[in-house]
């Protein structure tokens, strides 16, 4: 039961991180022109890895 809850939480967080990245894209482009970056990709990658780990643990 805990694995199902954990997987659901990871899926929701992963989807929210993707949505946040898409919404922040115009801001990221503007900030990039100033020479700065917003590290949203790190969050998306980490949650993507966690999602893959939880989906491969299912039997």
Protein backbone atom coordinates (compact mmCIF):
# COMPACT_ATOMS: atom_id res chain seq x y z
CA UNK A 1 0.00 0.00 0.00
CA UNK A 2 2.82 2.40 0.84
CA UNK A 3 4.44 1.81 -2.52
CA UNK A 4 1.22 2.80 -4.28
CA UNK A 5 0.99 6.01 -2.28
CA UNK A 6 4.65 6.79 -2.85
CA UNK A 7 4.32 6.16 -6.58
CA UNK A 8 1.24 8.38 -6.78
CA UNK A 9 3.02 11.19 -4.94
CA UNK A 10 6.07 10.91 -7.20
CA UNK A 11 3.88 10.94 -10.33
CA UNK A 12 2.02 14.04 -9.14
CA UNK A 13 5.25 15.84 -8.24
CA UNK A 14 6.80 14.91 -11.58
CA UNK A 15 3.80 16.21 -13.50
CA UNK A 16 3.75 19.42 -11.45
CA UNK A 17 7.46 19.96 -12.11
CA UNK A 18 6.85 19.58 -15.86
CA UNK A 19 3.96 22.03 -15.69
CA UNK A 20 6.05 24.50 -13.68
CA UNK A 21 8.85 24.25 -16.24
CA UNK A 22 6.46 24.94 -19.10
CA UNK A 23 4.84 27.87 -17.31
CA UNK A 24 8.24 29.35 -16.40
CA UNK A 25 9.62 29.07 -19.92
CA UNK A 26 9.02 32.74 -20.89
CA UNK A 27 10.59 33.86 -17.62
CA UNK A 28 13.56 31.54 -18.15
CA UNK A 29 14.14 32.94 -21.64
CA UNK A 30 14.16 36.50 -20.30
CA UNK A 31 16.45 35.64 -17.42
CA UNK A 32 18.77 33.77 -19.78
CA UNK A 33 19.29 36.97 -21.75
CA UNK A 34 20.58 38.53 -18.54
CA UNK A 35 23.12 35.72 -18.19
CA UNK A 36 21.33 33.80 -15.44
CA UNK A 37 19.65 30.42 -15.46
CA UNK A 38 16.73 28.93 -13.55
CA UNK A 39 17.61 25.33 -12.60
CA UNK A 40 14.15 23.83 -13.15
CA UNK A 41 15.71 21.09 -15.28
CA UNK A 42 17.42 19.68 -12.18
CA UNK A 43 14.10 19.23 -10.42
CA UNK A 44 12.52 17.63 -13.49
CA UNK A 45 15.45 15.25 -13.94
CA UNK A 46 15.49 14.18 -10.29
CA UNK A 47 11.76 13.60 -10.18
CA UNK A 48 11.96 11.76 -13.51
CA UNK A 49 14.60 9.46 -12.05
CA UNK A 50 12.49 8.90 -8.94
CA UNK A 51 9.49 8.11 -11.13
CA UNK A 52 11.48 5.56 -13.09
CA UNK A 53 12.73 3.93 -9.89
CA UNK A 54 9.22 3.63 -8.48
CA UNK A 55 7.78 2.26 -11.72
CA UNK A 56 10.50 -0.40 -12.07
CA UNK A 57 9.94 -1.60 -8.48
CA UNK A 58 6.42 -2.74 -9.24
CA UNK A 59 5.90 -6.46 -9.70
